[in-house]
Amino acid sequence: MKLKDLGEFNFINRISKTIKLSSRVIKGIGDDAAVLKYTKNKYLLFTTDMLIEGKHFNKGDKAGLIGRKSLSCNISDIAAMGGMPKFAVISVGLPGSLDLKYADELYRGIKKIAEKFRVDLVGGDTVCSEKIVINIALIGEVEKENLALRSGAKENDIIFITGNIGGSIKFRHLNFTPRLKEARFLVKNFKINSMIDASDGLLADLGHILKESYKGAVICEKSIPASKYAAGFDSAVRDGEDFELIFTLPERHAEKLKSIWPFRTRLSKIGRILNGRKGFTLVRKSGKSEKIKPAGFTHF
C-alpha cells in the first residue's frame, strides 16, 4: 500500500496507536497542539507545522510572505487551543543556489509576524536541500479553564466560524492574520466546548471535531460565509488554507456572542451539533437535506 492510498489522517492514526504517553501529557496526537502539564494554573501547548515549496507555496511567491505564513500557521494552532504563543524554533532546508537576499527576506517575514504576536525566536536548524522547506515548532501556554479541545462538542451546541472561506489560494493563504485576539476573547467570555482552526477546509476540520467528540452535525448552505474568491459551495467548504476558527458553544450563549462580538472579523452561525455519530447533514438553500462527507485538503 502507498501512503497516498492510506491517506494523511489514516497514517496519523496508524502512528498514534503505537505511541504510549506518560502522565505528563494531558493531550497528545489528535488536536491542534499537544497539551502538557506545566504550572498549577496553566498548561503548556506545543505545536509544529512544515511548509514545502511546491505544496504550500511556490518559489515565485514573495519570500517575506512565505516566512509570515510559516509562523502564522503555528500561531493559528495555538489560538485554536485558546492559548497564547510564546517561543519558537525555526528549521529550514534551503538550496545552496538560493539568493541571499531571498533568504534574508524569508527570515524577515518570520521575524515581523513574531514581533506582532510577541513570539520569541529562540533557535532552530539550517540544512541544504533541493527545495525550500520550513518547519517551525511553537510553544504556548493556556490557562486551564480556557483550554479548548476538538473533543468537547455537545449535543445542540451551535457551530460558528469566523471570517470568509474558500478560494484562499487566490488572495490570502500567504497573508492571513491568525485569529488570536478572537480566540482569546471567546475563551475568556464564553464556555467554548470545542474549537479548531480551518486549515484543511470547513468540512474536514469540523469533521475532526465530530470524530473527537463522537457527534454529528447539521449545517446550512445559506449560512456558509463563502469568500468572493470561492468557486461555489464546494470550494468554500473544501479548499482549505483559510485559517479561520471553527468552534461550538451552548445554544443559550449564541445570541449573546453575536450581540457583543467586538471585532470587524465576520462571525457566522452555520449549524448545530447532533448527538451520536450521525455524520454531516447539509441543508441546501432549497430546504432539501442531504448527507455529505467531511472531505477537504489532504497532503498525500
Protein backbone atom coordinates (compact mmCIF):
# COMPACT_ATOMS: atom_id res chain seq x y z
CA MET A 1 0.00 0.00 0.00
CA LYS A 2 1.17 3.51 -0.84
CA LEU A 3 0.85 6.48 1.51
CA LYS A 4 -1.45 8.20 -0.96
CA ASP A 5 -3.79 5.21 -0.77
CA LEU A 6 -3.81 5.19 3.04
CA GLY A 7 -4.27 8.96 3.33
CA GLU A 8 -2.85 11.55 5.70
CA PHE A 9 -5.18 11.07 8.66
CA ASN A 10 -5.26 7.29 8.47
CA PHE A 11 -1.45 7.43 8.53
CA ILE A 12 -1.55 9.66 11.62
CA ASN A 13 -3.98 7.26 13.31
CA ARG A 14 -1.69 4.36 12.42
CA ILE A 15 1.24 6.09 14.13
CA SER A 16 -0.72 7.23 17.18
CA LYS A 17 -1.76 3.67 18.03
CA THR A 18 1.89 2.75 18.60
CA ILE A 19 2.70 5.65 20.95
CA LYS A 20 2.46 5.41 24.72
CA LEU A 21 2.31 8.65 26.70
CA SER A 22 3.33 9.47 30.24
CA SER A 23 1.14 11.20 32.84
CA ARG A 24 2.84 14.49 31.90
CA VAL A 25 0.77 14.59 28.71
CA ILE A 26 -2.79 15.89 29.00
CA LYS A 27 -3.48 15.64 25.26
CA GLY A 28 -1.19 14.18 22.61
CA ILE A 29 -1.85 13.43 18.94
CA GLY A 30 -5.28 14.47 17.71
CA ASP A 31 -5.60 18.20 18.34
CA ASP A 32 -4.16 21.48 17.04
CA ALA A 33 -1.44 21.32 19.69
CA ALA A 34 -0.24 18.93 22.37
CA VAL A 35 -1.27 19.85 25.91
CA LEU A 36 1.32 19.24 28.63
CA LYS A 37 1.42 19.65 32.40
CA TYR A 38 3.02 22.95 33.34
CA THR A 39 2.04 25.01 36.38
CA LYS A 40 -0.79 24.96 38.90
CA ASN A 41 -2.96 27.21 36.76
CA LYS A 42 -1.67 26.73 33.21
CA TYR A 43 -0.96 24.10 30.59
CA LEU A 44 1.91 24.17 28.13
CA LEU A 45 0.96 23.98 24.43
CA PHE A 46 3.32 22.53 21.82
CA THR A 47 2.73 22.51 18.06
CA THR A 48 4.66 22.29 14.80
CA ASP A 49 4.00 22.89 11.10
CA MET A 50 6.06 22.19 7.98
CA LEU A 51 5.77 24.06 4.68
CA ILE A 52 7.27 22.70 1.47
CA GLU A 53 7.96 24.51 -1.79
CA GLY A 54 5.54 23.38 -4.48
CA LYS A 55 2.98 22.19 -1.95
CA HIS A 56 2.27 25.09 0.41
CA PHE A 57 3.92 27.89 -1.56
CA ASN A 58 5.85 28.48 -4.78
CA LYS A 59 9.36 29.88 -5.07
CA GLY A 60 7.91 32.71 -7.15
CA ASP A 61 5.88 33.87 -4.13
CA LYS A 62 7.22 36.76 -2.10
CA ALA A 63 9.76 35.40 0.38
CA GLY A 64 8.52 37.65 3.18
CA LEU A 65 5.00 36.29 2.84
CA ILE A 66 6.27 32.70 2.87
CA GLY A 67 8.06 33.46 6.12
CA ARG A 68 4.96 35.13 7.51
CA LYS A 69 2.81 32.09 6.71
CA SER A 70 5.27 29.62 8.22
CA LEU A 71 4.91 31.10 11.71
CA SER A 72 1.29 32.21 11.33
CA CYS A 73 0.21 28.57 10.81
CA ASN A 74 1.60 27.70 14.23
CA ILE A 75 0.10 30.75 15.92
CA SER A 76 -3.27 29.77 14.46
CA ASP A 77 -2.91 26.34 16.10
CA ILE A 78 -2.20 27.89 19.50
CA ALA A 79 -5.17 30.23 19.05
CA ALA A 80 -7.45 27.26 18.35
CA MET A 81 -6.46 25.84 21.75
CA GLY A 82 -7.42 29.10 23.47
CA GLY A 83 -3.80 29.89 24.31
CA MET A 84 -1.04 32.43 23.78
CA PRO A 85 2.13 31.74 21.70
CA LYS A 86 5.46 32.22 23.44
CA PHE A 87 8.62 30.61 21.97
CA ALA A 88 9.52 29.23 18.53
CA VAL A 89 12.39 27.35 16.91
CA ILE A 90 12.86 27.51 13.14
CA SER A 91 14.35 24.77 10.99
CA VAL A 92 14.86 25.39 7.28
CA GLY A 93 16.11 23.46 4.30
CA LEU A 94 17.48 25.84 1.67
CA PRO A 95 19.14 25.24 -1.72
CA GLY A 96 22.76 26.37 -1.82
CA SER A 97 21.97 28.28 -5.01
CA LEU A 98 19.29 30.38 -3.27
CA ASP A 99 19.89 34.14 -3.49
CA LEU A 100 20.95 35.51 -0.11
CA LYS A 101 18.50 38.40 -0.40
CA TYR A 102 15.67 35.90 -0.79
CA ALA A 103 16.78 34.02 2.34
CA ASP A 104 17.04 37.27 4.30
CA GLU A 105 13.55 38.30 3.24
CA LEU A 106 12.21 34.90 4.27
CA TYR A 107 13.53 35.35 7.79
CA ARG A 108 12.40 38.97 7.81
CA GLY A 109 8.82 37.77 7.25
CA ILE A 110 9.11 35.33 10.15
CA LYS A 111 10.54 37.99 12.46
CA LYS A 112 7.85 40.50 11.53
CA ILE A 113 4.97 38.20 12.50
CA ALA A 114 6.90 37.07 15.60
CA GLU A 115 7.17 40.69 16.77
CA LYS A 116 3.49 41.32 16.09
CA PHE A 117 2.41 38.38 18.25
CA ARG A 118 5.23 38.68 20.81
CA VAL A 119 6.83 35.35 19.98
CA ASP A 120 10.50 34.88 20.90
CA LEU A 121 12.57 33.11 18.23
CA VAL A 122 14.95 31.03 20.33
CA GLY A 123 16.76 28.67 17.96
CA GLY A 124 16.46 26.15 15.15
CA ASP A 125 18.48 24.40 12.44
CA THR A 126 19.58 25.01 8.85
CA VAL A 127 20.38 22.37 6.22
CA CYS A 128 20.90 22.27 2.47
CA SER A 129 18.01 20.87 0.42
CA GLU A 130 16.82 20.75 -3.18
CA LYS A 131 13.65 22.71 -2.37
CA ILE A 132 12.78 25.25 0.31
CA VAL A 133 11.43 23.54 3.44
CA ILE A 134 10.40 25.44 6.58
CA ASN A 135 9.48 23.74 9.83
CA ILE A 136 8.58 25.75 12.92
CA ALA A 137 7.83 24.37 16.39
CA LEU A 138 5.99 26.71 18.73
CA ILE A 139 5.42 26.61 22.47
CA GLY A 140 2.48 28.42 24.03
CA GLU A 141 0.53 28.40 27.24
CA VAL A 142 -3.11 28.48 28.25
CA GLU A 143 -4.98 28.90 31.49
CA LYS A 144 -6.51 25.58 32.47
CA GLU A 145 -10.02 26.99 32.50
CA ASN A 146 -9.57 28.44 28.97
CA LEU A 147 -8.29 25.32 27.21
CA ALA A 148 -10.31 24.46 24.09
CA LEU A 149 -10.09 20.99 22.53
CA ARG A 150 -11.65 19.36 19.50
CA SER A 151 -13.25 16.72 21.69
CA GLY A 152 -15.70 18.78 23.75
CA ALA A 153 -18.61 19.43 21.37
CA LYS A 154 -22.01 18.73 22.96
CA GLU A 155 -25.45 18.00 21.60
CA ASN A 156 -27.26 21.16 20.48
CA ASP A 157 -24.08 23.26 20.53
CA ILE A 158 -24.23 25.99 17.91
CA ILE A 159 -21.45 25.87 15.29
CA PHE A 160 -19.75 29.15 14.38
CA ILE A 161 -16.95 30.12 12.02
CA THR A 162 -15.00 33.36 11.74
CA GLY A 163 -14.21 35.19 8.50
CA ASN A 164 -14.90 34.17 4.91
CA ILE A 165 -13.82 30.82 3.47
CA GLY A 166 -12.83 29.33 0.14
CA GLY A 167 -10.53 30.41 -2.65
CA SER A 168 -7.77 31.33 -0.22
CA ILE A 169 -5.07 30.29 -2.70
CA LYS A 170 -6.12 33.26 -4.84
CA PHE A 171 -5.65 36.01 -2.31
CA ARG A 172 -4.74 35.27 1.30
CA HIS A 173 -3.18 31.89 2.10
CA LEU A 174 0.22 33.62 2.47
CA ASN A 175 -1.08 36.78 4.09
CA PHE A 176 -3.70 35.77 6.65
CA THR A 177 -3.81 37.01 10.23
CA PRO A 178 -4.14 34.31 12.91
CA ARG A 179 -7.36 34.81 14.87
CA LEU A 180 -5.56 35.01 18.20
CA LYS A 181 -7.43 38.03 19.58
CA GLU A 182 -10.75 36.50 18.58
CA ALA A 183 -9.89 33.15 20.19
CA ARG A 184 -8.80 34.75 23.45
CA PHE A 185 -12.00 36.81 23.57
CA LEU A 186 -14.04 33.65 23.09
CA VAL A 187 -12.40 31.53 25.79
CA LYS A 188 -12.32 34.39 28.31
CA ASN A 189 -16.00 35.27 27.91
CA PHE A 190 -17.77 32.04 26.95
CA LYS A 191 -17.74 28.32 27.55
CA ILE A 192 -16.24 27.18 24.25
CA ASN A 193 -16.90 23.45 24.13
CA SER A 194 -14.73 22.74 21.06
CA MET A 195 -12.53 24.66 18.63
CA ILE A 196 -10.22 24.06 15.66
CA ASP A 197 -8.56 26.21 13.01
CA ALA A 198 -9.80 25.77 9.45
CA SER A 199 -6.62 24.77 7.61
CA ASP A 200 -7.89 21.75 5.65
CA GLY A 201 -11.36 23.06 4.83
CA LEU A 202 -14.58 23.57 6.80
CA LEU A 203 -15.92 20.05 6.23
CA ALA A 204 -12.63 18.29 7.00
CA ASP A 205 -11.89 20.34 10.11
CA LEU A 206 -15.40 20.28 11.51
CA GLY A 207 -15.18 16.56 10.79
CA HIS A 208 -12.23 16.37 13.21
CA ILE A 209 -14.38 17.93 15.93
CA LEU A 210 -17.17 15.44 15.24
CA LYS A 211 -14.80 12.47 15.29
CA GLU A 212 -13.09 13.50 18.53
CA SER A 213 -16.41 14.44 20.18
CA TYR A 214 -18.37 11.40 18.92
CA LYS A 215 -21.03 13.67 17.48
CA GLY A 216 -22.79 14.57 14.25
CA ALA A 217 -23.74 17.93 12.76
CA VAL A 218 -26.20 19.72 10.54
CA ILE A 219 -25.01 22.79 8.62
CA CYS A 220 -26.90 25.21 6.39
CA GLU A 221 -25.64 26.09 2.93
CA LYS A 222 -27.15 29.59 3.05
CA SER A 223 -25.20 30.35 6.24
CA ILE A 224 -21.74 29.43 4.92
CA PRO A 225 -19.65 32.65 4.64
CA ALA A 226 -18.20 31.91 1.19
CA SER A 227 -15.46 34.24 0.02
CA LYS A 228 -15.97 36.04 -3.28
CA TYR A 229 -12.94 34.07 -4.46
CA ALA A 230 -14.57 30.70 -3.77
CA ALA A 231 -15.68 28.79 -6.85
CA GLY A 232 -19.06 27.82 -5.45
CA PHE A 233 -20.15 25.97 -2.31
CA ASP A 234 -17.78 23.00 -2.67
CA SER A 235 -14.83 25.38 -2.97
CA ALA A 236 -15.90 27.28 0.13
CA VAL A 237 -16.15 24.20 2.36
CA ARG A 238 -13.30 22.08 0.95
CA ASP A 239 -10.46 24.33 -0.29
CA GLY A 240 -8.65 24.80 2.99
CA GLU A 241 -5.87 27.25 3.89
CA ASP A 242 -8.45 29.62 5.40
CA PHE A 243 -7.03 29.58 8.97
CA GLU A 244 -10.31 30.75 10.45
CA LEU A 245 -11.73 29.47 13.75
CA ILE A 246 -14.47 26.84 13.82
CA PHE A 247 -15.98 26.48 17.28
CA THR A 248 -19.05 25.32 19.17
CA LEU A 249 -20.72 26.68 22.28
CA PRO A 250 -24.02 26.10 24.12
CA GLU A 251 -27.12 27.38 22.33
CA ARG A 252 -28.04 29.65 25.24
CA HIS A 253 -24.90 31.72 24.67
CA ALA A 254 -25.14 32.05 20.88
CA GLU A 255 -27.22 35.22 20.71
CA LYS A 256 -25.17 36.94 23.40
CA LEU A 257 -21.99 36.17 21.47
CA LYS A 258 -23.41 37.71 18.32
CA SER A 259 -24.58 40.81 20.19
CA ILE A 260 -21.25 41.59 21.91
CA TRP A 261 -18.80 40.41 19.21
CA PRO A 262 -16.27 43.30 19.21
CA PHE A 263 -14.28 42.53 16.06
CA ARG A 264 -14.61 43.51 12.41
CA THR A 265 -13.93 39.85 11.62
CA ARG A 266 -17.10 38.27 10.29
CA LEU A 267 -18.86 35.80 12.61
CA SER A 268 -21.27 33.25 11.13
CA LYS A 269 -23.64 30.78 12.78
CA ILE A 270 -23.58 27.83 10.39
CA GLY A 271 -25.16 24.85 12.11
CA ARG A 272 -25.77 22.66 15.13
CA ILE A 273 -24.16 19.64 16.80
CA LEU A 274 -26.19 16.42 16.82
CA ASN A 275 -25.99 13.65 19.37
CA GLY A 276 -24.25 10.42 18.34
CA ARG A 277 -22.19 9.58 15.28
CA LYS A 278 -24.67 10.88 12.71
CA GLY A 279 -22.14 12.36 10.28
CA PHE A 280 -22.88 15.50 8.29
CA THR A 281 -26.28 16.66 7.17
CA LEU A 282 -26.33 19.62 4.79
CA VAL A 283 -29.48 21.69 4.40
CA ARG A 284 -29.40 23.15 0.90
CA LYS A 285 -30.74 26.60 0.08
CA SER A 286 -33.79 24.85 -1.38
CA GLY A 287 -34.54 23.35 2.04
CA LYS A 288 -33.59 19.83 0.94
CA SER A 289 -31.36 17.84 3.32
CA GLU A 290 -28.57 15.50 2.22
CA LYS A 291 -25.68 13.60 3.73
CA ILE A 292 -22.17 14.82 2.87
CA LYS A 293 -18.66 13.59 3.57
CA PRO A 294 -16.04 15.63 5.50
CA ALA A 295 -13.57 15.87 2.61
CA GLY A 296 -11.02 18.65 2.23
CA PHE A 297 -7.34 19.36 1.56
CA THR A 298 -5.03 16.36 2.01
CA HIS A 299 -1.21 16.14 1.94
CA PHE A 300 -0.96 12.78 0.13
